[in-house]
Amino acid sequence: MPDSSADGERRIDLSVRDSEAFVRALTDPQPLEDRLSDTIGRYRRQTGV
């Protein structure tokens, strides 16, 4: 019987290099480009999010 805490989840095995890149992206994200920031702002204004 599968662990209920992982229902609907999948495990992905990463190489050491990929694991480091993943953690680096979470802890030190790159700044958003202006166009993406504008799009996010427009979406939030239109949806009230």
PDB file of N, CA and C in Angstrom:
ATOM      1  N   MET A   1       0.849  -1.182   0.000  1.00  0.00           N
ATOM      2  CA  MET A   1       0.000   0.000   0.000  1.00  0.00           C
ATOM      3  C   MET A   1       0.894   1.246   0.000  1.00  0.00           C
ATOM      4  N   PRO A   2       0.633   2.197  -0.931  1.00  0.00           N
ATOM      5  CA  PRO A   2       1.472   3.404  -0.999  1.00  0.00           C
ATOM      6  C   PRO A   2       1.277   4.301   0.214  1.00  0.00           C
ATOM      7  N   ASP A   3       2.297   5.061   0.524  1.00  0.00           N
ATOM      8  CA  ASP A   3       2.240   6.038   1.612  1.00  0.00           C
ATOM      9  C   ASP A   3       1.207   7.104   1.257  1.00  0.00           C
ATOM     10  N   SER A   4       0.222   7.335   2.119  1.00  0.00           N
ATOM     11  CA  SER A   4      -0.860   8.271   1.808  1.00  0.00           C
ATOM     12  C   SER A   4      -0.375   9.710   1.687  1.00  0.00           C
ATOM     13  N   SER A   5       0.760  10.043   2.273  1.00  0.00           N
ATOM     14  CA  SER A   5       1.268  11.410   2.174  1.00  0.00           C
ATOM     15  C   SER A   5       1.777  11.725   0.777  1.00  0.00           C
ATOM     16  N   ALA A   6       1.992  10.704  -0.036  1.00  0.00           N
ATOM     17  CA  ALA A   6       2.525  10.912  -1.373  1.00  0.00           C
ATOM     18  C   ALA A   6       1.481  10.639  -2.455  1.00  0.00           C
ATOM     19  N   ASP A   7       0.208  10.529  -2.076  1.00  0.00           N
ATOM     20  CA  ASP A   7      -0.839  10.284  -3.067  1.00  0.00           C
ATOM     21  C   ASP A   7      -0.816  11.370  -4.132  1.00  0.00           C
ATOM     22  N   GLY A   8      -0.795  10.963  -5.366  1.00  0.00           N
ATOM     23  CA  GLY A   8      -0.794  11.904  -6.473  1.00  0.00           C
ATOM     24  C   GLY A   8       0.551  12.545  -6.737  1.00  0.00           C
ATOM     25  N   GLU A   9       1.562  12.169  -6.023  1.00  0.00           N
ATOM     26  CA  GLU A   9       2.893  12.736  -6.210  1.00  0.00           C
ATOM     27  C   GLU A   9       3.781  11.745  -6.936  1.00  0.00           C
ATOM     28  N   ARG A  10       4.767  12.275  -7.642  1.00  0.00           N
ATOM     29  CA  ARG A  10       5.755  11.420  -8.289  1.00  0.00           C
ATOM     30  C   ARG A  10       7.139  11.852  -7.845  1.00  0.00           C
ATOM     31  N   ARG A  11       8.007  10.895  -7.739  1.00  0.00           N
ATOM     32  CA  ARG A  11       9.393  11.164  -7.345  1.00  0.00           C
ATOM     33  C   ARG A  11      10.230  11.298  -8.610  1.00  0.00           C
ATOM     34  N   ILE A  12      11.091  12.296  -8.609  1.00  0.00           N
ATOM     35  CA  ILE A  12      12.013  12.503  -9.720  1.00  0.00           C
ATOM     36  C   ILE A  12      13.424  12.422  -9.153  1.00  0.00           C
ATOM     37  N   ASP A  13      14.210  11.509  -9.660  1.00  0.00           N
ATOM     38  CA  ASP A  13      15.603  11.383  -9.228  1.00  0.00           C
ATOM     39  C   ASP A  13      16.456  12.330 -10.068  1.00  0.00           C
ATOM     40  N   LEU A  14      17.200  13.211  -9.397  1.00  0.00           N
ATOM     41  CA  LEU A  14      18.041  14.196 -10.072  1.00  0.00           C
ATOM     42  C   LEU A  14      19.508  13.879  -9.846  1.00  0.00           C
ATOM     43  N   SER A  15      20.315  14.276 -10.806  1.00  0.00           N
ATOM     44  CA  SER A  15      21.762  14.169 -10.617  1.00  0.00           C
ATOM     45  C   SER A  15      22.184  15.205  -9.580  1.00  0.00           C
ATOM     46  N   VAL A  16      23.384  15.103  -9.100  1.00  0.00           N
ATOM     47  CA  VAL A  16      23.889  16.072  -8.127  1.00  0.00           C
ATOM     48  C   VAL A  16      23.866  17.470  -8.742  1.00  0.00           C
ATOM     49  N   ARG A  17      24.304  17.577  -9.977  1.00  0.00           N
ATOM     50  CA  ARG A  17      24.337  18.881 -10.654  1.00  0.00           C
ATOM     51  C   ARG A  17      22.930  19.463 -10.783  1.00  0.00           C
ATOM     52  N   ASP A  18      21.962  18.630 -11.181  1.00  0.00           N
ATOM     53  CA  ASP A  18      20.588  19.105 -11.312  1.00  0.00           C
ATOM     54  C   ASP A  18      19.995  19.467  -9.956  1.00  0.00           C
ATOM     55  N   SER A  19      20.309  18.692  -8.928  1.00  0.00           N
ATOM     56  CA  SER A  19      19.833  18.990  -7.579  1.00  0.00           C
ATOM     57  C   SER A  19      20.365  20.342  -7.102  1.00  0.00           C
ATOM     58  N   GLU A  20      21.628  20.588  -7.344  1.00  0.00           N
ATOM     59  CA  GLU A  20      22.228  21.869  -6.958  1.00  0.00           C
ATOM     60  C   GLU A  20      21.589  23.024  -7.719  1.00  0.00           C
ATOM     61  N   ALA A  21      21.346  22.837  -9.010  1.00  0.00           N
ATOM     62  CA  ALA A  21      20.712  23.890  -9.812  1.00  0.00           C
ATOM     63  C   ALA A  21      19.289  24.161  -9.313  1.00  0.00           C
ATOM     64  N   PHE A  22      18.568  23.115  -8.949  1.00  0.00           N
ATOM     65  CA  PHE A  22      17.213  23.264  -8.440  1.00  0.00           C
ATOM     66  C   PHE A  22      17.200  24.062  -7.144  1.00  0.00           C
ATOM     67  N   VAL A  23      18.062  23.697  -6.219  1.00  0.00           N
ATOM     68  CA  VAL A  23      18.127  24.407  -4.933  1.00  0.00           C
ATOM     69  C   VAL A  23      18.569  25.846  -5.148  1.00  0.00           C
ATOM     70  N   ARG A  24      19.529  26.061  -6.025  1.00  0.00           N
ATOM     71  CA  ARG A  24      20.001  27.422  -6.320  1.00  0.00           C
ATOM     72  C   ARG A  24      18.864  28.273  -6.896  1.00  0.00           C
ATOM     73  N   ALA A  25      18.047  27.691  -7.764  1.00  0.00           N
ATOM     74  CA  ALA A  25      16.918  28.430  -8.343  1.00  0.00           C
ATOM     75  C   ALA A  25      15.894  28.807  -7.277  1.00  0.00           C
ATOM     76  N   LEU A  26      15.724  27.963  -6.273  1.00  0.00           N
ATOM     77  CA  LEU A  26      14.784  28.265  -5.194  1.00  0.00           C
ATOM     78  C   LEU A  26      15.332  29.291  -4.215  1.00  0.00           C
ATOM     79  N   THR A  27      16.621  29.197  -3.908  1.00  0.00           N
ATOM     80  CA  THR A  27      17.196  30.064  -2.886  1.00  0.00           C
ATOM     81  C   THR A  27      17.727  31.385  -3.430  1.00  0.00           C
ATOM     82  N   ASP A  28      18.017  31.436  -4.728  1.00  0.00           N
ATOM     83  CA  ASP A  28      18.573  32.652  -5.335  1.00  0.00           C
ATOM     84  C   ASP A  28      17.995  32.819  -6.741  1.00  0.00           C
ATOM     85  N   PRO A  29      16.675  33.092  -6.829  1.00  0.00           N
ATOM     86  CA  PRO A  29      16.039  33.161  -8.143  1.00  0.00           C
ATOM     87  C   PRO A  29      16.536  34.345  -8.971  1.00  0.00           C
ATOM     88  N   GLN A  30      16.519  34.170 -10.271  1.00  0.00           N
ATOM     89  CA  GLN A  30      16.883  35.245 -11.193  1.00  0.00           C
ATOM     90  C   GLN A  30      15.762  36.291 -11.181  1.00  0.00           C
ATOM     91  N   PRO A  31      16.093  37.562 -11.376  1.00  0.00           N
ATOM     92  CA  PRO A  31      15.045  38.593 -11.418  1.00  0.00           C
ATOM     93  C   PRO A  31      14.160  38.392 -12.652  1.00  0.00           C
ATOM     94  N   LEU A  32      12.892  38.795 -12.512  1.00  0.00           N
ATOM     95  CA  LEU A  32      11.966  38.689 -13.630  1.00  0.00           C
ATOM     96  C   LEU A  32      12.285  39.749 -14.679  1.00  0.00           C
ATOM     97  N   GLU A  33      12.075  39.400 -15.927  1.00  0.00           N
ATOM     98  CA  GLU A  33      12.224  40.381 -17.000  1.00  0.00           C
ATOM     99  C   GLU A  33      11.052  41.356 -16.915  1.00  0.00           C
ATOM    100  N   ASP A  34      11.255  42.572 -17.419  1.00  0.00           N
ATOM    101  CA  ASP A  34      10.222  43.610 -17.346  1.00  0.00           C
ATOM    102  C   ASP A  34       8.908  43.161 -17.983  1.00  0.00           C
ATOM    103  N   ARG A  35       8.984  42.498 -19.123  1.00  0.00           N
ATOM    104  CA  ARG A  35       7.758  42.085 -19.814  1.00  0.00           C
ATOM    105  C   ARG A  35       6.956  41.108 -18.961  1.00  0.00           C
ATOM    106  N   LEU A  36       7.631  40.172 -18.321  1.00  0.00           N
ATOM    107  CA  LEU A  36       6.942  39.210 -17.466  1.00  0.00           C
ATOM    108  C   LEU A  36       6.349  39.914 -16.255  1.00  0.00           C
ATOM    109  N   SER A  37       7.090  40.826 -15.664  1.00  0.00           N
ATOM    110  CA  SER A  37       6.570  41.576 -14.510  1.00  0.00           C
ATOM    111  C   SER A  37       5.319  42.360 -14.895  1.00  0.00           C
ATOM    112  N   ASP A  38       5.351  42.989 -16.070  1.00  0.00           N
ATOM    113  CA  ASP A  38       4.185  43.740 -16.554  1.00  0.00           C
ATOM    114  C   ASP A  38       2.986  42.820 -16.757  1.00  0.00           C
ATOM    115  N   THR A  39       3.234  41.637 -17.330  1.00  0.00           N
ATOM    116  CA  THR A  39       2.161  40.674 -17.570  1.00  0.00           C
ATOM    117  C   THR A  39       1.552  40.203 -16.259  1.00  0.00           C
ATOM    118  N   ILE A  40       2.386  39.915 -15.273  1.00  0.00           N
ATOM    119  CA  ILE A  40       1.890  39.483 -13.963  1.00  0.00           C
ATOM    120  C   ILE A  40       1.055  40.586 -13.331  1.00  0.00           C
ATOM    121  N   GLY A  41       1.528  41.816 -13.387  1.00  0.00           N
ATOM    122  CA  GLY A  41       0.788  42.943 -12.825  1.00  0.00           C
ATOM    123  C   GLY A  41      -0.562  43.137 -13.501  1.00  0.00           C
ATOM    124  N   ARG A  42      -0.582  43.027 -14.817  1.00  0.00           N
ATOM    125  CA  ARG A  42      -1.826  43.162 -15.575  1.00  0.00           C
ATOM    126  C   ARG A  42      -2.802  42.049 -15.185  1.00  0.00           C
ATOM    127  N   TYR A  43      -2.319  40.827 -15.075  1.00  0.00           N
ATOM    128  CA  TYR A  43      -3.160  39.693 -14.673  1.00  0.00           C
ATOM    129  C   TYR A  43      -3.752  39.932 -13.281  1.00  0.00           C
ATOM    130  N   ARG A  44      -2.928  40.368 -12.364  1.00  0.00           N
ATOM    131  CA  ARG A  44      -3.397  40.593 -10.994  1.00  0.00           C
ATOM    132  C   ARG A  44      -4.448  41.706 -10.946  1.00  0.00           C
ATOM    133  N   ARG A  45      -4.241  42.754 -11.702  1.00  0.00           N
ATOM    134  CA  ARG A  45      -5.228  43.844 -11.727  1.00  0.00           C
ATOM    135  C   ARG A  45      -6.556  43.370 -12.309  1.00  0.00           C
ATOM    136  N   GLN A  46      -6.478  42.592 -13.383  1.00  0.00           N
ATOM    137  CA  GLN A  46      -7.699  42.136 -14.052  1.00  0.00           C
ATOM    138  C   GLN A  46      -8.460  41.095 -13.253  1.00  0.00           C
ATOM    139  N   THR A  47      -7.728  40.264 -12.501  1.00  0.00           N
ATOM    140  CA  THR A  47      -8.384  39.188 -11.767  1.00  0.00           C
ATOM    141  C   THR A  47      -8.601  39.505 -10.297  1.00  0.00           C
ATOM    142  N   GLY A  48      -7.992  40.571  -9.810  1.00  0.00           N
ATOM    143  CA  GLY A  48      -8.124  40.923  -8.407  1.00  0.00           C
ATOM    144  C   GLY A  48      -7.307  40.038  -7.484  1.00  0.00           C
ATOM    145  N   VAL A  49      -6.320  39.349  -8.041  1.00  0.00           N
ATOM    146  CA  VAL A  49      -5.473  38.450  -7.233  1.00  0.00           C
ATOM    147  C   VAL A  49      -4.414  39.247  -6.524  1.00  0.00           C
TER     148      VAL A  49
END
